[in-house]
All heavy atoms as atom14 arrays in JSON, in Angstrom:
{
  "sequence": "YERVTYNPIVDYGGWGIKWGSEGKAFNMSGSEGVKLYFY",
  "atom14_mask": [
    [1, 1, 1, 1, 1, 1, 1, 1, 1, 1, 1, 1, 0, 0],
    [1, 1, 1, 1, 1, 1, 1, 1, 1, 0, 0, 0, 0, 0],
    [1, 1, 1, 1, 1, 1, 1, 1, 1, 1, 1, 0, 0, 0],
    [1, 1, 1, 1, 1, 1, 1, 0, 0, 0, 0, 0, 0, 0],
    [1, 1, 1, 1, 1, 1, 1, 0, 0, 0, 0, 0, 0, 0],
    [1, 1, 1, 1, 1, 1, 1, 1, 1, 1, 1, 1, 0, 0],
    [1, 1, 1, 1, 1, 1, 1, 1, 0, 0, 0, 0, 0, 0],
    [1, 1, 1, 1, 1, 1, 1, 0, 0, 0, 0, 0, 0, 0],
    [1, 1, 1, 1, 1, 1, 1, 1, 0, 0, 0, 0, 0, 0],
    [1, 1, 1, 1, 1, 1, 1, 0, 0, 0, 0, 0, 0, 0],
    [1, 1, 1, 1, 1, 1, 1, 1, 0, 0, 0, 0, 0, 0],
    [1, 1, 1, 1, 1, 1, 1, 1, 1, 1, 1, 1, 0, 0],
    [1, 1, 1, 1, 0, 0, 0, 0, 0, 0, 0, 0, 0, 0],
    [1, 1, 1, 1, 0, 0, 0, 0, 0, 0, 0, 0, 0, 0],
    [1, 1, 1, 1, 1, 1, 1, 1, 1, 1, 1, 1, 1, 1],
    [1, 1, 1, 1, 0, 0, 0, 0, 0, 0, 0, 0, 0, 0],
    [1, 1, 1, 1, 1, 1, 1, 1, 0, 0, 0, 0, 0, 0],
    [1, 1, 1, 1, 1, 1, 1, 1, 1, 0, 0, 0, 0, 0],
    [1, 1, 1, 1, 1, 1, 1, 1, 1, 1, 1, 1, 1, 1],
    [1, 1, 1, 1, 0, 0, 0, 0, 0, 0, 0, 0, 0, 0],
    [1, 1, 1, 1, 1, 1, 0, 0, 0, 0, 0, 0, 0, 0],
    [1, 1, 1, 1, 1, 1, 1, 1, 1, 0, 0, 0, 0, 0],
    [1, 1, 1, 1, 0, 0, 0, 0, 0, 0, 0, 0, 0, 0],
    [1, 1, 1, 1, 1, 1, 1, 1, 1, 0, 0, 0, 0, 0],
    [1, 1, 1, 1, 1, 0, 0, 0, 0, 0, 0, 0, 0, 0],
    [1, 1, 1, 1, 1, 1, 1, 1, 1, 1, 1, 0, 0, 0],
    [1, 1, 1, 1, 1, 1, 1, 1, 0, 0, 0, 0, 0, 0],
    [1, 1, 1, 1, 1, 1, 1, 1, 0, 0, 0, 0, 0, 0],
    [1, 1, 1, 1, 1, 1, 0, 0, 0, 0, 0, 0, 0, 0],
    [1, 1, 1, 1, 0, 0, 0, 0, 0, 0, 0, 0, 0, 0],
    [1, 1, 1, 1, 1, 1, 0, 0, 0, 0, 0, 0, 0, 0],
    [1, 1, 1, 1, 1, 1, 1, 1, 1, 0, 0, 0, 0, 0],
    [1, 1, 1, 1, 0, 0, 0, 0, 0, 0, 0, 0, 0, 0],
    [1, 1, 1, 1, 1, 1, 1, 0, 0, 0, 0, 0, 0, 0],
    [1, 1, 1, 1, 1, 1, 1, 1, 1, 0, 0, 0, 0, 0],
    [1, 1, 1, 1, 1, 1, 1, 1, 0, 0, 0, 0, 0, 0],
    [1, 1, 1, 1, 1, 1, 1, 1, 1, 1, 1, 1, 0, 0],
    [1, 1, 1, 1, 1, 1, 1, 1, 1, 1, 1, 0, 0, 0],
    [1, 1, 1, 1, 1, 1, 1, 1, 1, 1, 1, 1, 0, 0]
  ],
  "atom14_positions": [
    [[-6.89, -0.77, -23.73], [-5.81, 0.05, -23.18], [-6.37, 1.42, -22.89], [-7.36, 1.85, -23.49], [-4.61, 0.13, -24.13], [-4.96, 0.48, -25.54], [-4.86, 1.79, -25.99], [-5.4, -0.5, -26.42], [-5.2, 2.12, -27.29], [-5.74, -0.18, -27.72], [-5.63, 1.13, -28.14], [-5.96, 1.46, -29.42], [0.0, 0.0, 0.0], [0.0, 0.0, 0.0]],
    [[-5.75, 2.09, -21.91], [-6.23, 3.42, -21.52], [-5.08, 4.24, -20.96], [-4.11, 3.71, -20.43], [-7.35, 3.31, -20.49], [-6.89, 2.76, -19.15], [-7.99, 2.73, -18.09], [-8.93, 3.54, -18.19], [-7.88, 1.89, -17.18], [0.0, 0.0, 0.0], [0.0, 0.0, 0.0], [0.0, 0.0, 0.0], [0.0, 0.0, 0.0], [0.0, 0.0, 0.0]],
    [[-5.25, 5.55, -21.06], [-4.32, 6.48, -20.44], [-4.68, 6.54, -18.95], [-5.85, 6.63, -18.6], [-4.47, 7.86, -21.07], [-3.59, 8.89, -20.42], [-3.81, 10.25, -21.02], [-3.0, 11.21, -20.29], [-2.9, 12.47, -20.6], [-3.57, 12.95, -21.62], [-2.14, 13.27, -19.89], [0.0, 0.0, 0.0], [0.0, 0.0, 0.0], [0.0, 0.0, 0.0]],
    [[-3.66, 6.46, -18.09], [-3.91, 6.48, -16.65], [-2.97, 7.44, -15.95], [-1.86, 7.71, -16.41], [-3.76, 5.07, -16.01], [-4.81, 4.12, -16.51], [-2.37, 4.5, -16.23], [0.0, 0.0, 0.0], [0.0, 0.0, 0.0], [0.0, 0.0, 0.0], [0.0, 0.0, 0.0], [0.0, 0.0, 0.0], [0.0, 0.0, 0.0], [0.0, 0.0, 0.0]],
    [[-3.46, 7.97, -14.84], [-2.63, 8.69, -13.89], [-2.61, 7.8, -12.65], [-3.65, 7.35, -12.18], [-3.23, 10.07, -13.57], [-3.31, 10.81, -14.79], [-2.35, 10.82, -12.59], [0.0, 0.0, 0.0], [0.0, 0.0, 0.0], [0.0, 0.0, 0.0], [0.0, 0.0, 0.0], [0.0, 0.0, 0.0], [0.0, 0.0, 0.0], [0.0, 0.0, 0.0]],
    [[-1.43, 7.52, -12.14], [-1.29, 6.56, -11.04], [-0.32, 7.11, -10.02], [0.39, 8.08, -10.26], [-0.81, 5.21, -11.58], [0.55, 5.27, -12.22], [1.69, 4.86, -11.53], [0.74, 5.75, -13.51], [2.95, 4.94, -12.1], [1.98, 5.82, -14.1], [3.08, 5.41, -13.38], [4.33, 5.49, -13.94], [0.0, 0.0, 0.0], [0.0, 0.0, 0.0]],
    [[-0.29, 6.45, -8.87], [0.67, 6.78, -7.83], [1.75, 5.7, -7.85], [1.49, 4.57, -7.43], [-0.02, 6.84, -6.47], [0.91, 7.3, -5.37], [2.09, 7.01, -5.38], [0.36, 8.01, -4.41], [0.0, 0.0, 0.0], [0.0, 0.0, 0.0], [0.0, 0.0, 0.0], [0.0, 0.0, 0.0], [0.0, 0.0, 0.0], [0.0, 0.0, 0.0]],
    [[2.95, 6.0, -8.34], [3.97, 4.97, -8.48], [4.31, 4.24, -7.19], [4.5, 3.02, -7.19], [5.19, 5.72, -9.0], [4.68, 7.0, -9.52], [3.43, 7.3, -8.78], [0.0, 0.0, 0.0], [0.0, 0.0, 0.0], [0.0, 0.0, 0.0], [0.0, 0.0, 0.0], [0.0, 0.0, 0.0], [0.0, 0.0, 0.0], [0.0, 0.0, 0.0]],
    [[4.35, 4.96, -6.08], [4.75, 4.33, -4.82], [3.62, 3.49, -4.25], [3.82, 2.34, -3.85], [5.23, 5.4, -3.82], [6.52, 6.03, -4.37], [5.46, 4.8, -2.43], [7.06, 7.17, -3.6], [0.0, 0.0, 0.0], [0.0, 0.0, 0.0], [0.0, 0.0, 0.0], [0.0, 0.0, 0.0], [0.0, 0.0, 0.0], [0.0, 0.0, 0.0]],
    [[2.41, 4.02, -4.23], [1.27, 3.28, -3.65], [0.86, 2.11, -4.53], [0.65, 0.99, -4.05], [0.07, 4.23, -3.42], [-1.17, 3.47, -3.01], [0.41, 5.29, -2.38], [0.0, 0.0, 0.0], [0.0, 0.0, 0.0], [0.0, 0.0, 0.0], [0.0, 0.0, 0.0], [0.0, 0.0, 0.0], [0.0, 0.0, 0.0], [0.0, 0.0, 0.0]],
    [[0.75, 2.34, -5.85], [0.24, 1.3, -6.74], [1.28, 0.24, -7.1], [0.93, -0.93, -7.29], [-0.28, 1.93, -8.03], [-1.48, 2.84, -7.8], [-2.17, 2.67, -6.77], [-1.73, 3.72, -8.65], [0.0, 0.0, 0.0], [0.0, 0.0, 0.0], [0.0, 0.0, 0.0], [0.0, 0.0, 0.0], [0.0, 0.0, 0.0], [0.0, 0.0, 0.0]],
    [[2.56, 0.63, -7.21], [3.58, -0.32, -7.68], [4.82, -0.41, -6.81], [5.71, -1.19, -7.09], [3.99, 0.03, -9.12], [2.85, -0.13, -10.09], [2.1, 0.96, -10.49], [2.51, -1.38, -10.58], [1.03, 0.82, -11.36], [1.45, -1.53, -11.44], [0.71, -0.43, -11.83], [-0.35, -0.58, -12.68], [0.0, 0.0, 0.0], [0.0, 0.0, 0.0]],
    [[4.93, 0.42, -5.79], [6.1, 0.36, -4.92], [7.28, 1.16, -5.44], [8.4, 0.95, -5.02], [0.0, 0.0, 0.0], [0.0, 0.0, 0.0], [0.0, 0.0, 0.0], [0.0, 0.0, 0.0], [0.0, 0.0, 0.0], [0.0, 0.0, 0.0], [0.0, 0.0, 0.0], [0.0, 0.0, 0.0], [0.0, 0.0, 0.0], [0.0, 0.0, 0.0]],
    [[7.05, 2.08, -6.37], [8.12, 2.94, -6.86], [8.28, 2.86, -8.36], [7.37, 2.5, -9.08], [0.0, 0.0, 0.0], [0.0, 0.0, 0.0], [0.0, 0.0, 0.0], [0.0, 0.0, 0.0], [0.0, 0.0, 0.0], [0.0, 0.0, 0.0], [0.0, 0.0, 0.0], [0.0, 0.0, 0.0], [0.0, 0.0, 0.0], [0.0, 0.0, 0.0]],
    [[9.5, 3.2, -8.82], [9.8, 3.25, -10.25], [10.72, 2.1, -10.61], [11.43, 1.57, -9.78], [10.46, 4.57, -10.6], [9.54, 5.74, -10.42], [8.71, 6.28, -11.36], [9.34, 6.51, -9.24], [8.0, 7.32, -10.84], [8.38, 7.5, -9.54], [9.87, 6.49, -7.95], [7.94, 8.43, -8.61], [9.44, 7.41, -7.04], [8.49, 8.37, -7.36]],
    [[10.71, 1.72, -11.86], [11.55, 0.62, -12.33], [10.68, -0.44, -12.97], [9.64, -0.15, -13.57], [0.0, 0.0, 0.0], [0.0, 0.0, 0.0], [0.0, 0.0, 0.0], [0.0, 0.0, 0.0], [0.0, 0.0, 0.0], [0.0, 0.0, 0.0], [0.0, 0.0, 0.0], [0.0, 0.0, 0.0], [0.0, 0.0, 0.0], [0.0, 0.0, 0.0]],
    [[11.09, -1.68, -12.84], [10.28, -2.82, -13.25], [9.6, -3.29, -11.98], [10.26, -3.8, -11.07], [11.14, -3.94, -13.86], [11.94, -3.43, -15.04], [10.26, -5.12, -14.26], [12.99, -4.4, -15.55], [0.0, 0.0, 0.0], [0.0, 0.0, 0.0], [0.0, 0.0, 0.0], [0.0, 0.0, 0.0], [0.0, 0.0, 0.0], [0.0, 0.0, 0.0]],
    [[8.31, -3.1, -11.89], [7.59, -3.34, -10.63], [6.39, -4.24, -10.83], [5.74, -4.22, -11.88], [7.12, -2.01, -10.02], [8.24, -1.08, -9.65], [9.04, -1.65, -8.53], [10.11, -0.7, -8.06], [10.77, -1.17, -6.88], [0.0, 0.0, 0.0], [0.0, 0.0, 0.0], [0.0, 0.0, 0.0], [0.0, 0.0, 0.0], [0.0, 0.0, 0.0]],
    [[6.08, -5.0, -9.8], [4.87, -5.8, -9.75], [4.06, -5.33, -8.56], [4.61, -5.09, -7.49], [5.2, -7.28, -9.57], [5.87, -7.88, -10.75], [5.27, -8.56, -11.77], [7.26, -7.88, -11.06], [6.2, -8.96, -12.69], [7.43, -8.56, -12.28], [8.39, -7.35, -10.44], [8.67, -8.74, -12.89], [9.61, -7.51, -11.05], [9.75, -8.22, -12.25]],
    [[2.77, -5.18, -8.76], [1.9, -4.75, -7.67], [0.53, -5.36, -7.82], [0.29, -6.2, -8.7], [0.0, 0.0, 0.0], [0.0, 0.0, 0.0], [0.0, 0.0, 0.0], [0.0, 0.0, 0.0], [0.0, 0.0, 0.0], [0.0, 0.0, 0.0], [0.0, 0.0, 0.0], [0.0, 0.0, 0.0], [0.0, 0.0, 0.0], [0.0, 0.0, 0.0]],
    [[-0.37, -4.95, -6.96], [-1.74, -5.47, -7.03], [-2.41, -5.07, -8.34], [-3.35, -5.71, -8.79], [-2.55, -4.95, -5.84], [-2.6, -3.53, -5.88], [0.0, 0.0, 0.0], [0.0, 0.0, 0.0], [0.0, 0.0, 0.0], [0.0, 0.0, 0.0], [0.0, 0.0, 0.0], [0.0, 0.0, 0.0], [0.0, 0.0, 0.0], [0.0, 0.0, 0.0]],
    [[-1.9, -4.01, -8.96], [-2.47, -3.51, -10.22], [-1.87, -4.22, -11.44], [-2.23, -3.91, -12.56], [-2.2, -2.01, -10.34], [-2.75, -1.19, -9.2], [-4.24, -1.05, -9.26], [-4.8, -0.95, -10.36], [-4.86, -1.03, -8.19], [0.0, 0.0, 0.0], [0.0, 0.0, 0.0], [0.0, 0.0, 0.0], [0.0, 0.0, 0.0], [0.0, 0.0, 0.0]],
    [[-0.91, -5.12, -11.24], [-0.24, -5.78, -12.35], [1.23, -5.39, -12.39], [1.82, -5.04, -11.38], [0.0, 0.0, 0.0], [0.0, 0.0, 0.0], [0.0, 0.0, 0.0], [0.0, 0.0, 0.0], [0.0, 0.0, 0.0], [0.0, 0.0, 0.0], [0.0, 0.0, 0.0], [0.0, 0.0, 0.0], [0.0, 0.0, 0.0], [0.0, 0.0, 0.0]],
    [[1.82, -5.44, -13.57], [3.23, -5.13, -13.76], [3.37, -3.72, -14.31], [2.5, -3.24, -15.01], [3.84, -6.14, -14.73], [5.33, -6.09, -14.85], [5.82, -7.23, -15.75], [7.33, -7.25, -15.83], [7.81, -8.36, -16.67], [0.0, 0.0, 0.0], [0.0, 0.0, 0.0], [0.0, 0.0, 0.0], [0.0, 0.0, 0.0], [0.0, 0.0, 0.0]],
    [[4.5, -3.07, -14.01], [4.75, -1.72, -14.51], [6.2, -1.57, -14.95], [7.11, -2.11, -14.31], [4.43, -0.69, -13.45], [0.0, 0.0, 0.0], [0.0, 0.0, 0.0], [0.0, 0.0, 0.0], [0.0, 0.0, 0.0], [0.0, 0.0, 0.0], [0.0, 0.0, 0.0], [0.0, 0.0, 0.0], [0.0, 0.0, 0.0], [0.0, 0.0, 0.0]],
    [[6.38, -0.85, -16.04], [7.68, -0.36, -16.47], [7.57, 1.15, -16.41], [6.82, 1.75, -17.2], [8.0, -0.77, -17.91], [8.14, -2.25, -18.13], [7.22, -2.94, -18.9], [9.21, -2.94, -17.6], [7.36, -4.29, -19.12], [9.35, -4.31, -17.81], [8.42, -4.98, -18.58], [0.0, 0.0, 0.0], [0.0, 0.0, 0.0], [0.0, 0.0, 0.0]],
    [[8.27, 1.78, -15.47], [8.18, 3.24, -15.37], [9.49, 3.81, -14.87], [10.23, 3.17, -14.15], [7.0, 3.67, -14.5], [7.05, 3.09, -13.11], [7.97, 2.39, -12.73], [6.04, 3.37, -12.33], [0.0, 0.0, 0.0], [0.0, 0.0, 0.0], [0.0, 0.0, 0.0], [0.0, 0.0, 0.0], [0.0, 0.0, 0.0], [0.0, 0.0, 0.0]],
    [[9.78, 5.05, -15.28], [11.02, 5.73, -14.94], [10.79, 6.94, -14.06], [11.54, 7.17, -13.13], [11.71, 6.22, -16.2], [12.81, 5.38, -16.73], [14.03, 4.94, -15.53], [15.36, 4.57, -16.58], [0.0, 0.0, 0.0], [0.0, 0.0, 0.0], [0.0, 0.0, 0.0], [0.0, 0.0, 0.0], [0.0, 0.0, 0.0], [0.0, 0.0, 0.0]],
    [[9.81, 7.73, -14.4], [9.52, 8.93, -13.62], [8.11, 9.39, -13.96], [7.53, 8.97, -14.95], [10.54, 10.04, -13.91], [10.44, 10.46, -15.24], [0.0, 0.0, 0.0], [0.0, 0.0, 0.0], [0.0, 0.0, 0.0], [0.0, 0.0, 0.0], [0.0, 0.0, 0.0], [0.0, 0.0, 0.0], [0.0, 0.0, 0.0], [0.0, 0.0, 0.0]],
    [[7.6, 10.25, -13.12], [6.27, 10.77, -13.37], [5.18, 9.85, -12.88], [5.44, 8.83, -12.24], [0.0, 0.0, 0.0], [0.0, 0.0, 0.0], [0.0, 0.0, 0.0], [0.0, 0.0, 0.0], [0.0, 0.0, 0.0], [0.0, 0.0, 0.0], [0.0, 0.0, 0.0], [0.0, 0.0, 0.0], [0.0, 0.0, 0.0], [0.0, 0.0, 0.0]],
    [[3.94, 10.2, -13.2], [2.8, 9.43, -12.73], [1.76, 9.22, -13.82], [0.61, 8.96, -13.53], [2.16, 10.15, -11.54], [1.73, 11.44, -11.94], [0.0, 0.0, 0.0], [0.0, 0.0, 0.0], [0.0, 0.0, 0.0], [0.0, 0.0, 0.0], [0.0, 0.0, 0.0], [0.0, 0.0, 0.0], [0.0, 0.0, 0.0], [0.0, 0.0, 0.0]],
    [[2.19, 9.3, -15.07], [1.27, 9.05, -16.18], [1.77, 7.89, -17.01], [2.96, 7.63, -17.09], [1.15, 10.29, -17.06], [0.43, 11.44, -16.39], [0.16, 12.56, -17.35], [1.14, 13.21, -17.76], [-1.02, 12.76, -17.69], [0.0, 0.0, 0.0], [0.0, 0.0, 0.0], [0.0, 0.0, 0.0], [0.0, 0.0, 0.0], [0.0, 0.0, 0.0]],
    [[0.82, 7.2, -17.63], [1.19, 6.09, -18.47], [0.02, 5.55, -19.24], [-1.08, 6.11, -19.2], [0.0, 0.0, 0.0], [0.0, 0.0, 0.0], [0.0, 0.0, 0.0], [0.0, 0.0, 0.0], [0.0, 0.0, 0.0], [0.0, 0.0, 0.0], [0.0, 0.0, 0.0], [0.0, 0.0, 0.0], [0.0, 0.0, 0.0], [0.0, 0.0, 0.0]],
    [[0.27, 4.46, -19.93], [-0.77, 3.75, -20.66], [-0.82, 2.35, -20.09], [0.2, 1.68, -19.98], [-0.46, 3.73, -22.18], [-1.46, 2.85, -22.91], [-0.47, 5.15, -22.74], [0.0, 0.0, 0.0], [0.0, 0.0, 0.0], [0.0, 0.0, 0.0], [0.0, 0.0, 0.0], [0.0, 0.0, 0.0], [0.0, 0.0, 0.0], [0.0, 0.0, 0.0]],
    [[-2.03, 1.94, -19.7], [-2.22, 0.6, -19.12], [-2.81, -0.3, -20.19], [-3.82, 0.04, -20.81], [-3.14, 0.68, -17.91], [-3.18, -0.62, -17.12], [-4.09, -0.5, -15.91], [-3.26, -0.27, -14.69], [-4.05, -0.4, -13.45], [0.0, 0.0, 0.0], [0.0, 0.0, 0.0], [0.0, 0.0, 0.0], [0.0, 0.0, 0.0], [0.0, 0.0, 0.0]],
    [[-2.15, -1.43, -20.42], [-2.59, -2.42, -21.39], [-3.3, -3.54, -20.64], [-2.76, -4.09, -19.68], [-1.41, -2.99, -22.16], [-0.47, -1.99, -22.84], [0.71, -2.72, -23.48], [-1.21, -1.17, -23.87], [0.0, 0.0, 0.0], [0.0, 0.0, 0.0], [0.0, 0.0, 0.0], [0.0, 0.0, 0.0], [0.0, 0.0, 0.0], [0.0, 0.0, 0.0]],
    [[-4.49, -3.9, -21.09], [-5.27, -5.0, -20.49], [-5.24, -6.18, -21.46], [-5.53, -6.02, -22.65], [-6.71, -4.57, -20.24], [-6.82, -3.44, -19.25], [-6.88, -2.12, -19.69], [-6.87, -3.69, -17.89], [-6.98, -1.07, -18.78], [-6.96, -2.65, -16.98], [-7.01, -1.34, -17.43], [-7.1, -0.3, -16.54], [0.0, 0.0, 0.0], [0.0, 0.0, 0.0]],
    [[-4.91, -7.35, -20.94], [-4.77, -8.54, -21.76], [-5.96, -9.48, -21.54], [-6.71, -9.34, -20.58], [-3.47, -9.27, -21.42], [-2.25, -8.42, -21.66], [-1.67, -7.68, -20.64], [-1.69, -8.35, -22.93], [-0.56, -6.89, -20.87], [-0.58, -7.56, -23.16], [-0.01, -6.83, -22.14], [0.0, 0.0, 0.0], [0.0, 0.0, 0.0], [0.0, 0.0, 0.0]],
    [[-6.09, -10.46, -22.41], [-7.17, -11.43, -22.28], [-6.96, -12.39, -21.13], [-7.9, -12.76, -20.45], [-7.33, -12.22, -23.59], [-7.88, -11.39, -24.71], [-7.06, -10.92, -25.72], [-9.22, -11.05, -24.75], [-7.57, -10.15, -26.75], [-9.74, -10.28, -25.77], [-8.91, -9.82, -26.76], [-9.41, -9.05, -27.76], [0.0, 0.0, 0.0], [0.0, 0.0, 0.0]]
  ]
}
């Protein structure tokens, strides 16, 4: 896992429960988060 700065619109299509080329995201606002990598 790592701390990331991302572009919500480009990487995930906005805020909310989103799926994108980068995986799934749960986000409300801002552009910072923690990305979890699974096996």
